[in-house]
């Protein structure tokens, strides 16, 4: 009997080359999030060739608060979702990965996670040094070392001035259904996937740009540099995103 499970998971993507596996199925891939989860299934459930279906892909260095994937289990063992979640997390912690399984549920055999995902939300955190602090820096092109350690690998540094209202007004132009090919990174992988013009058409439902607090504002320790930096969260919700579609837009906030 084949049973299908849906797993929800989160990860810090700094040390991975993205979500999707990068090598052939007959090889172990420990450089991608998908590859590590599949390796965990191989070890914990003794699945010879585990294969998970992912709901979306992320680029190198991108983190996920919650993503999802499904896989099939063809053994007769009466494993339950709770034990599966605990066992996978034990493996992930033991091997010092930056991936955690949040929960596991059993789903019908015809469930497909990619088509079941009705929307996806991307958050891009912007760090803007305050003007006086920025002007006091000796080398403006290397402002990133002045960013608090709590923001390392988690923010995009943008120099002042930063007019959040004007930027948001411009970004709202992109709400709706458009061809976003111009905002994606074209590569050889596009040719391998046989993408056509219709594949570049995505629907953006919501865009917001919000001033947020520092990373550790309520902690007993406050990095002295925190007071010199303003943070903004750039949220985009849509049907899906092309490779670097949101990142390209965020990098043009200067």
C-alpha atoms as a PDB file:
ATOM      1  CA  UNK A   1       0.000   0.000   0.000  1.00  0.00           C
ATOM      2  CA  UNK A   2       1.276   3.446  -0.941  1.00  0.00           C
ATOM      3  CA  UNK A   3       0.731   6.272   1.528  1.00  0.00           C
ATOM      4  CA  UNK A   4       1.351   9.913   0.699  1.00  0.00           C
ATOM      5  CA  UNK A   5       2.541  12.396   3.318  1.00  0.00           C
ATOM      6  CA  UNK A   6       2.679  16.184   3.267  1.00  0.00           C
ATOM      7  CA  UNK A   7       5.493  17.772   5.241  1.00  0.00           C
ATOM      8  CA  UNK A   8       5.763  21.417   6.274  1.00  0.00           C
ATOM      9  CA  UNK A   9       9.279  22.628   6.949  1.00  0.00           C
ATOM     10  CA  UNK A  10      11.406  25.733   7.440  1.00  0.00           C
ATOM     11  CA  UNK A  11      15.074  26.430   6.870  1.00  0.00           C
ATOM     12  CA  UNK A  12      17.873  28.977   6.927  1.00  0.00           C
ATOM     13  CA  UNK A  13      19.208  28.912   3.392  1.00  0.00           C
ATOM     14  CA  UNK A  14      22.605  30.552   3.910  1.00  0.00           C
ATOM     15  CA  UNK A  15      24.572  27.313   3.576  1.00  0.00           C
ATOM     16  CA  UNK A  16      22.505  25.762   0.786  1.00  0.00           C
ATOM     17  CA  UNK A  17      22.477  26.224  -2.979  1.00  0.00           C
ATOM     18  CA  UNK A  18      18.723  26.528  -3.051  1.00  0.00           C
ATOM     19  CA  UNK A  19      15.661  24.394  -2.491  1.00  0.00           C
ATOM     20  CA  UNK A  20      15.766  22.130  -5.548  1.00  0.00           C
ATOM     21  CA  UNK A  21      18.229  19.252  -5.768  1.00  0.00           C
ATOM     22  CA  UNK A  22      21.157  19.857  -8.120  1.00  0.00           C
ATOM     23  CA  UNK A  23      22.433  16.370  -8.940  1.00  0.00           C
ATOM     24  CA  UNK A  24      20.970  13.234 -10.501  1.00  0.00           C
ATOM     25  CA  UNK A  25      18.633  11.014  -8.499  1.00  0.00           C
ATOM     26  CA  UNK A  26      21.208   8.235  -8.213  1.00  0.00           C
ATOM     27  CA  UNK A  27      23.492  10.494  -6.159  1.00  0.00           C
ATOM     28  CA  UNK A  28      23.139  11.960  -2.682  1.00  0.00           C
ATOM     29  CA  UNK A  29      22.793  15.737  -2.756  1.00  0.00           C
ATOM     30  CA  UNK A  30      23.732  17.475   0.487  1.00  0.00           C
ATOM     31  CA  UNK A  31      23.989  20.932  -1.061  1.00  0.00           C
ATOM     32  CA  UNK A  32      20.252  21.566  -1.449  1.00  0.00           C
ATOM     33  CA  UNK A  33      17.318  21.559   0.963  1.00  0.00           C
ATOM     34  CA  UNK A  34      15.454  18.969  -1.106  1.00  0.00           C
ATOM     35  CA  UNK A  35      18.489  16.718  -1.245  1.00  0.00           C
ATOM     36  CA  UNK A  36      18.994  16.763   2.521  1.00  0.00           C
ATOM     37  CA  UNK A  37      15.324  15.999   3.261  1.00  0.00           C
ATOM     38  CA  UNK A  38      15.417  13.124   0.783  1.00  0.00           C
ATOM     39  CA  UNK A  39      18.593  11.839   2.424  1.00  0.00           C
ATOM     40  CA  UNK A  40      16.802  11.973   5.788  1.00  0.00           C
ATOM     41  CA  UNK A  41      13.929   9.908   4.369  1.00  0.00           C
ATOM     42  CA  UNK A  42      16.435   7.419   2.975  1.00  0.00           C
ATOM     43  CA  UNK A  43      18.031   6.967   6.401  1.00  0.00           C
ATOM     44  CA  UNK A  44      14.970   7.169   8.667  1.00  0.00           C
ATOM     45  CA  UNK A  45      12.369   5.309   6.588  1.00  0.00           C
ATOM     46  CA  UNK A  46      14.819   3.161   4.620  1.00  0.00           C
ATOM     47  CA  UNK A  47      13.371   4.429   1.342  1.00  0.00           C
ATOM     48  CA  UNK A  48      15.772   3.294  -1.368  1.00  0.00           C
ATOM     49  CA  UNK A  49      15.199   6.179  -3.762  1.00  0.00           C
ATOM     50  CA  UNK A  50      13.183   8.864  -1.968  1.00  0.00           C
ATOM     51  CA  UNK A  51      11.633  11.523  -4.154  1.00  0.00           C
ATOM     52  CA  UNK A  52       9.757  14.505  -2.786  1.00  0.00           C
ATOM     53  CA  UNK A  53       7.592  16.933  -4.716  1.00  0.00           C
ATOM     54  CA  UNK A  54       8.177  20.537  -3.660  1.00  0.00           C
ATOM     55  CA  UNK A  55       5.647  23.356  -3.689  1.00  0.00           C
ATOM     56  CA  UNK A  56       8.137  25.976  -4.886  1.00  0.00           C
ATOM     57  CA  UNK A  57      11.821  26.677  -5.362  1.00  0.00           C
ATOM     58  CA  UNK A  58      14.080  29.198  -3.683  1.00  0.00           C
ATOM     59  CA  UNK A  59      17.459  30.527  -4.757  1.00  0.00           C
ATOM     60  CA  UNK A  60      20.755  30.166  -2.968  1.00  0.00           C
ATOM     61  CA  UNK A  61      20.790  31.968   0.385  1.00  0.00           C
ATOM     62  CA  UNK A  62      17.004  32.362   0.608  1.00  0.00           C
ATOM     63  CA  UNK A  63      15.288  31.289   3.833  1.00  0.00           C
ATOM     64  CA  UNK A  64      11.817  29.791   4.297  1.00  0.00           C
ATOM     65  CA  UNK A  65       9.492  30.337   7.259  1.00  0.00           C
ATOM     66  CA  UNK A  66       7.243  27.583   5.969  1.00  0.00           C
ATOM     67  CA  UNK A  67       7.453  25.534   2.799  1.00  0.00           C
ATOM     68  CA  UNK A  68       5.883  22.205   1.885  1.00  0.00           C
ATOM     69  CA  UNK A  69       6.580  18.980   0.034  1.00  0.00           C
ATOM     70  CA  UNK A  70       4.981  15.573  -0.403  1.00  0.00           C
ATOM     71  CA  UNK A  71       6.404  12.068  -0.736  1.00  0.00           C
ATOM     72  CA  UNK A  72       5.172   8.487  -1.041  1.00  0.00           C
ATOM     73  CA  UNK A  73       5.849   5.680   1.422  1.00  0.00           C
ATOM     74  CA  UNK A  74       5.218   2.173   0.112  1.00  0.00           C
ATOM     75  CA  UNK A  75       5.966   0.037   3.141  1.00  0.00           C
ATOM     76  CA  UNK A  76       3.358  -1.626   5.338  1.00  0.00           C
ATOM     77  CA  UNK A  77       4.780  -0.239   8.580  1.00  0.00           C
ATOM     78  CA  UNK A  78       2.169   1.560  10.652  1.00  0.00           C
ATOM     79  CA  UNK A  79       4.129   4.784  10.923  1.00  0.00           C
ATOM     80  CA  UNK A  80       2.172   7.845  12.019  1.00  0.00           C
ATOM     81  CA  UNK A  81       2.791  11.502  11.072  1.00  0.00           C
ATOM     82  CA  UNK A  82       3.903  12.482  14.593  1.00  0.00           C
ATOM     83  CA  UNK A  83       6.643   9.828  14.725  1.00  0.00           C
ATOM     84  CA  UNK A  84       7.703  10.728  11.206  1.00  0.00           C
ATOM     85  CA  UNK A  85       8.073  14.390  12.176  1.00  0.00           C
ATOM     86  CA  UNK A  86      10.093  13.537  15.275  1.00  0.00           C
ATOM     87  CA  UNK A  87      12.309  11.068  13.444  1.00  0.00           C
ATOM     88  CA  UNK A  88      13.161  13.447  10.618  1.00  0.00           C
ATOM     89  CA  UNK A  89      13.920  16.272  13.036  1.00  0.00           C
ATOM     90  CA  UNK A  90      16.176  13.954  15.051  1.00  0.00           C
ATOM     91  CA  UNK A  91      18.125  13.204  11.883  1.00  0.00           C
ATOM     92  CA  UNK A  92      18.301  16.887  10.857  1.00  0.00           C
ATOM     93  CA  UNK A  93      19.475  18.005  14.298  1.00  0.00           C
ATOM     94  CA  UNK A  94      21.979  15.177  14.623  1.00  0.00           C
ATOM     95  CA  UNK A  95      23.584  16.162  11.335  1.00  0.00           C
ATOM     96  CA  UNK A  96      23.583  19.855  12.283  1.00  0.00           C
ATOM     97  CA  UNK A  97      21.448  21.028   9.392  1.00  0.00           C
ATOM     98  CA  UNK A  98      19.558  24.320   9.267  1.00  0.00           C
ATOM     99  CA  UNK A  99      16.288  22.589   8.341  1.00  0.00           C
ATOM    100  CA  UNK A 100      13.393  21.723  10.637  1.00  0.00           C
ATOM    101  CA  UNK A 101      10.180  19.804   9.999  1.00  0.00           C
ATOM    102  CA  UNK A 102       7.240  21.735  11.435  1.00  0.00           C
ATOM    103  CA  UNK A 103       4.520  19.115  11.010  1.00  0.00           C
ATOM    104  CA  UNK A 104       3.513  16.113   8.898  1.00  0.00           C
ATOM    105  CA  UNK A 105       0.030  15.107   7.724  1.00  0.00           C
ATOM    106  CA  UNK A 106      -1.214  12.212   5.626  1.00  0.00           C
ATOM    107  CA  UNK A 107      -2.966  13.228   2.394  1.00  0.00           C
ATOM    108  CA  UNK A 108      -4.846  11.437  -0.412  1.00  0.00           C
ATOM    109  CA  UNK A 109      -2.774   9.630  -3.015  1.00  0.00           C
ATOM    110  CA  UNK A 110      -3.709  12.090  -5.764  1.00  0.00           C
ATOM    111  CA  UNK A 111      -2.591  15.141  -3.765  1.00  0.00           C
ATOM    112  CA  UNK A 112       0.103  17.184  -5.525  1.00  0.00           C
ATOM    113  CA  UNK A 113       1.690  19.924  -3.450  1.00  0.00           C
ATOM    114  CA  UNK A 114       2.754  22.237  -6.269  1.00  0.00           C
ATOM    115  CA  UNK A 115      -0.716  22.580  -7.770  1.00  0.00           C
ATOM    116  CA  UNK A 116      -2.372  22.640  -4.333  1.00  0.00           C
ATOM    117  CA  UNK A 117      -0.470  25.789  -3.282  1.00  0.00           C
ATOM    118  CA  UNK A 118      -2.907  28.639  -3.987  1.00  0.00           C
ATOM    119  CA  UNK A 119      -0.420  31.430  -3.249  1.00  0.00           C
ATOM    120  CA  UNK A 120       3.143  32.119  -2.175  1.00  0.00           C
ATOM    121  CA  UNK A 121       4.486  35.001  -0.112  1.00  0.00           C
ATOM    122  CA  UNK A 122       7.997  36.404  -0.367  1.00  0.00           C
ATOM    123  CA  UNK A 123       9.482  38.684   2.306  1.00  0.00           C
ATOM    124  CA  UNK A 124      12.591  40.702   1.539  1.00  0.00           C
ATOM    125  CA  UNK A 125      14.105  42.574   4.498  1.00  0.00           C
ATOM    126  CA  UNK A 126      15.749  45.920   3.697  1.00  0.00           C
ATOM    127  CA  UNK A 127      18.311  47.562   5.995  1.00  0.00           C
ATOM    128  CA  UNK A 128      18.770  51.322   5.556  1.00  0.00           C
ATOM    129  CA  UNK A 129      21.563  53.002   7.547  1.00  0.00           C
ATOM    130  CA  UNK A 130      20.466  56.347   8.940  1.00  0.00           C
ATOM    131  CA  UNK A 131      21.894  59.318   7.075  1.00  0.00           C
ATOM    132  CA  UNK A 132      24.295  60.694   9.732  1.00  0.00           C
ATOM    133  CA  UNK A 133      25.696  57.230  10.402  1.00  0.00           C
ATOM    134  CA  UNK A 134      25.988  56.524   6.690  1.00  0.00           C
ATOM    135  CA  UNK A 135      27.872  59.782   6.076  1.00  0.00           C
ATOM    136  CA  UNK A 136      30.300  58.955   8.878  1.00  0.00           C
ATOM    137  CA  UNK A 137      31.342  55.701   7.216  1.00  0.00           C
ATOM    138  CA  UNK A 138      34.678  55.915   5.454  1.00  0.00           C
ATOM    139  CA  UNK A 139      33.736  53.709   2.528  1.00  0.00           C
ATOM    140  CA  UNK A 140      30.120  53.865   1.402  1.00  0.00           C
ATOM    141  CA  UNK A 141      30.549  50.979  -1.041  1.00  0.00           C
ATOM    142  CA  UNK A 142      31.349  48.643   1.849  1.00  0.00           C
ATOM    143  CA  UNK A 143      28.615  49.618   4.285  1.00  0.00           C
ATOM    144  CA  UNK A 144      27.625  46.002   5.030  1.00  0.00           C
ATOM    145  CA  UNK A 145      30.253  45.482   7.792  1.00  0.00           C
ATOM    146  CA  UNK A 146      28.482  48.216   9.744  1.00  0.00           C
ATOM    147  CA  UNK A 147      25.211  46.255   9.768  1.00  0.00           C
ATOM    148  CA  UNK A 148      24.425  44.597  13.140  1.00  0.00           C
ATOM    149  CA  UNK A 149      25.415  40.953  13.376  1.00  0.00           C
ATOM    150  CA  UNK A 150      21.749  40.022  13.833  1.00  0.00           C
ATOM    151  CA  UNK A 151      21.177  41.051  10.232  1.00  0.00           C
ATOM    152  CA  UNK A 152      23.999  39.082   8.618  1.00  0.00           C
ATOM    153  CA  UNK A 153      22.751  36.992   5.680  1.00  0.00           C
ATOM    154  CA  UNK A 154      19.216  38.173   6.405  1.00  0.00           C
ATOM    155  CA  UNK A 155      18.981  41.678   4.975  1.00  0.00           C
ATOM    156  CA  UNK A 156      19.689  43.656   1.819  1.00  0.00           C
ATOM    157  CA  UNK A 157      21.558  46.886   2.585  1.00  0.00           C
ATOM    158  CA  UNK A 158      20.227  49.958   0.765  1.00  0.00           C
ATOM    159  CA  UNK A 159      21.891  53.368   1.214  1.00  0.00           C
ATOM    160  CA  UNK A 160      19.851  56.431   2.201  1.00  0.00           C
ATOM    161  CA  UNK A 161      17.800  58.328   1.298  1.00  0.00           C
ATOM    162  CA  UNK A 162      15.006  55.760   1.241  1.00  0.00           C
ATOM    163  CA  UNK A 163      11.565  57.041   0.349  1.00  0.00           C
ATOM    164  CA  UNK A 164       9.322  54.131   1.364  1.00  0.00           C
ATOM    165  CA  UNK A 165       6.095  55.803   0.219  1.00  0.00           C
ATOM    166  CA  UNK A 166       7.383  56.528  -3.279  1.00  0.00           C
ATOM    167  CA  UNK A 167       8.825  53.017  -3.618  1.00  0.00           C
ATOM    168  CA  UNK A 168       5.556  51.425  -2.521  1.00  0.00           C
ATOM    169  CA  UNK A 169       3.581  53.571  -4.969  1.00  0.00           C
ATOM    170  CA  UNK A 170       5.806  52.363  -7.808  1.00  0.00           C
ATOM    171  CA  UNK A 171       5.663  48.726  -6.713  1.00  0.00           C
ATOM    172  CA  UNK A 172       1.871  48.724  -6.676  1.00  0.00           C
ATOM    173  CA  UNK A 173       1.993  49.185 -10.440  1.00  0.00           C
ATOM    174  CA  UNK A 174       2.969  45.509 -10.636  1.00  0.00           C
ATOM    175  CA  UNK A 175      -0.151  44.238  -8.874  1.00  0.00           C
ATOM    176  CA  UNK A 176      -2.141  42.136 -11.325  1.00  0.00           C
ATOM    177  CA  UNK A 177      -1.274  39.577 -13.979  1.00  0.00           C
ATOM    178  CA  UNK A 178       1.803  40.412 -16.047  1.00  0.00           C
ATOM    179  CA  UNK A 179       4.698  38.898 -17.962  1.00  0.00           C
ATOM    180  CA  UNK A 180       7.647  39.222 -15.541  1.00  0.00           C
ATOM    181  CA  UNK A 181      10.330  37.843 -17.837  1.00  0.00           C
ATOM    182  CA  UNK A 182      12.264  41.134 -17.616  1.00  0.00           C
ATOM    183  CA  UNK A 183      12.526  40.744 -13.823  1.00  0.00           C
ATOM    184  CA  UNK A 184      13.753  37.149 -13.851  1.00  0.00           C
ATOM    185  CA  UNK A 185      17.244  35.801 -14.256  1.00  0.00           C
ATOM    186  CA  UNK A 186      17.568  34.018 -17.571  1.00  0.00           C
ATOM    187  CA  UNK A 187      19.930  31.063 -17.553  1.00  0.00           C
ATOM    188  CA  UNK A 188      20.551  27.699 -19.170  1.00  0.00           C
ATOM    189  CA  UNK A 189      18.032  26.170 -16.748  1.00  0.00           C
ATOM    190  CA  UNK A 190      15.276  28.081 -18.525  1.00  0.00           C
ATOM    191  CA  UNK A 191      16.107  26.256 -21.752  1.00  0.00           C
ATOM    192  CA  UNK A 192      16.254  22.898 -19.969  1.00  0.00           C
ATOM    193  CA  UNK A 193      12.772  23.453 -18.552  1.00  0.00           C
ATOM    194  CA  UNK A 194      11.456  24.423 -22.004  1.00  0.00           C
ATOM    195  CA  UNK A 195       9.860  27.591 -20.689  1.00  0.00           C
ATOM    196  CA  UNK A 196       7.521  29.426 -23.048  1.00  0.00           C
ATOM    197  CA  UNK A 197       6.192  32.976 -22.803  1.00  0.00           C
ATOM    198  CA  UNK A 198       3.114  31.856 -20.850  1.00  0.00           C
ATOM    199  CA  UNK A 199       5.363  30.480 -18.106  1.00  0.00           C
ATOM    200  CA  UNK A 200       6.634  33.989 -17.386  1.00  0.00           C
ATOM    201  CA  UNK A 201       3.125  35.261 -16.677  1.00  0.00           C
ATOM    202  CA  UNK A 202       2.479  35.526 -12.931  1.00  0.00           C
ATOM    203  CA  UNK A 203      -0.220  37.143 -10.811  1.00  0.00           C
ATOM    204  CA  UNK A 204       0.807  39.490  -7.992  1.00  0.00           C
ATOM    205  CA  UNK A 205      -2.021  39.897  -5.475  1.00  0.00           C
ATOM    206  CA  UNK A 206      -0.511  42.042  -2.749  1.00  0.00           C
ATOM    207  CA  UNK A 207       2.568  44.209  -2.163  1.00  0.00           C
ATOM    208  CA  UNK A 208       3.479  45.960   1.075  1.00  0.00           C
ATOM    209  CA  UNK A 209       6.508  47.792   2.466  1.00  0.00           C
ATOM    210  CA  UNK A 210       6.463  48.111   6.252  1.00  0.00           C
ATOM    211  CA  UNK A 211       8.858  49.692   8.736  1.00  0.00           C
ATOM    212  CA  UNK A 212       9.710  47.017  11.319  1.00  0.00           C
ATOM    213  CA  UNK A 213      11.571  46.807  14.605  1.00  0.00           C
ATOM    214  CA  UNK A 214      15.100  45.550  15.068  1.00  0.00           C
ATOM    215  CA  UNK A 215      15.840  41.840  15.245  1.00  0.00           C
ATOM    216  CA  UNK A 216      16.477  41.691  19.005  1.00  0.00           C
ATOM    217  CA  UNK A 217      14.706  44.773  20.301  1.00  0.00           C
ATOM    218  CA  UNK A 218      13.252  42.936  23.301  1.00  0.00           C
ATOM    219  CA  UNK A 219      16.434  41.085  24.182  1.00  0.00           C
ATOM    220  CA  UNK A 220      18.587  41.899  27.196  1.00  0.00           C
ATOM    221  CA  UNK A 221      21.360  42.759  24.755  1.00  0.00           C
ATOM    222  CA  UNK A 222      21.027  45.361  22.044  1.00  0.00           C
ATOM    223  CA  UNK A 223      23.664  45.688  19.368  1.00  0.00           C
ATOM    224  CA  UNK A 224      24.783  49.350  19.465  1.00  0.00           C
ATOM    225  CA  UNK A 225      24.439  49.533  15.690  1.00  0.00           C
ATOM    226  CA  UNK A 226      20.735  48.637  15.827  1.00  0.00           C
ATOM    227  CA  UNK A 227      19.793  52.244  16.560  1.00  0.00           C
ATOM    228  CA  UNK A 228      21.661  53.368  13.441  1.00  0.00           C
ATOM    229  CA  UNK A 229      19.668  51.201  11.025  1.00  0.00           C
ATOM    230  CA  UNK A 230      16.037  51.226   9.886  1.00  0.00           C
ATOM    231  CA  UNK A 231      14.473  47.967   8.723  1.00  0.00           C
ATOM    232  CA  UNK A 232      11.697  47.497   6.185  1.00  0.00           C
ATOM    233  CA  UNK A 233       9.909  44.310   5.193  1.00  0.00           C
ATOM    234  CA  UNK A 234       8.980  44.101   1.529  1.00  0.00           C
ATOM    235  CA  UNK A 235       6.154  41.540   1.165  1.00  0.00           C
ATOM    236  CA  UNK A 236       4.930  40.214  -2.168  1.00  0.00           C
ATOM    237  CA  UNK A 237       2.104  37.693  -2.416  1.00  0.00           C
ATOM    238  CA  UNK A 238       1.313  36.016  -5.707  1.00  0.00           C
ATOM    239  CA  UNK A 239       0.550  32.863  -7.622  1.00  0.00           C
ATOM    240  CA  UNK A 240       4.250  32.135  -7.941  1.00  0.00           C
ATOM    241  CA  UNK A 241       7.574  33.776  -8.718  1.00  0.00           C
ATOM    242  CA  UNK A 242      10.242  33.461 -11.369  1.00  0.00           C
ATOM    243  CA  UNK A 243      13.880  33.021 -10.510  1.00  0.00           C
ATOM    244  CA  UNK A 244      15.065  36.184  -8.705  1.00  0.00           C
ATOM    245  CA  UNK A 245      11.885  38.040  -9.664  1.00  0.00           C
ATOM    246  CA  UNK A 246      11.444  39.655  -6.229  1.00  0.00           C
ATOM    247  CA  UNK A 247      15.150  39.970  -5.538  1.00  0.00           C
ATOM    248  CA  UNK A 248      15.709  41.911  -8.771  1.00  0.00           C
ATOM    249  CA  UNK A 249      12.973  44.348  -7.820  1.00  0.00           C
ATOM    250  CA  UNK A 250      14.312  44.804  -4.275  1.00  0.00           C
ATOM    251  CA  UNK A 251      17.831  45.466  -5.536  1.00  0.00           C
ATOM    252  CA  UNK A 252      16.495  48.448  -7.465  1.00  0.00           C
ATOM    253  CA  UNK A 253      15.261  50.259  -4.344  1.00  0.00           C
ATOM    254  CA  UNK A 254      18.254  52.584  -4.410  1.00  0.00           C
END
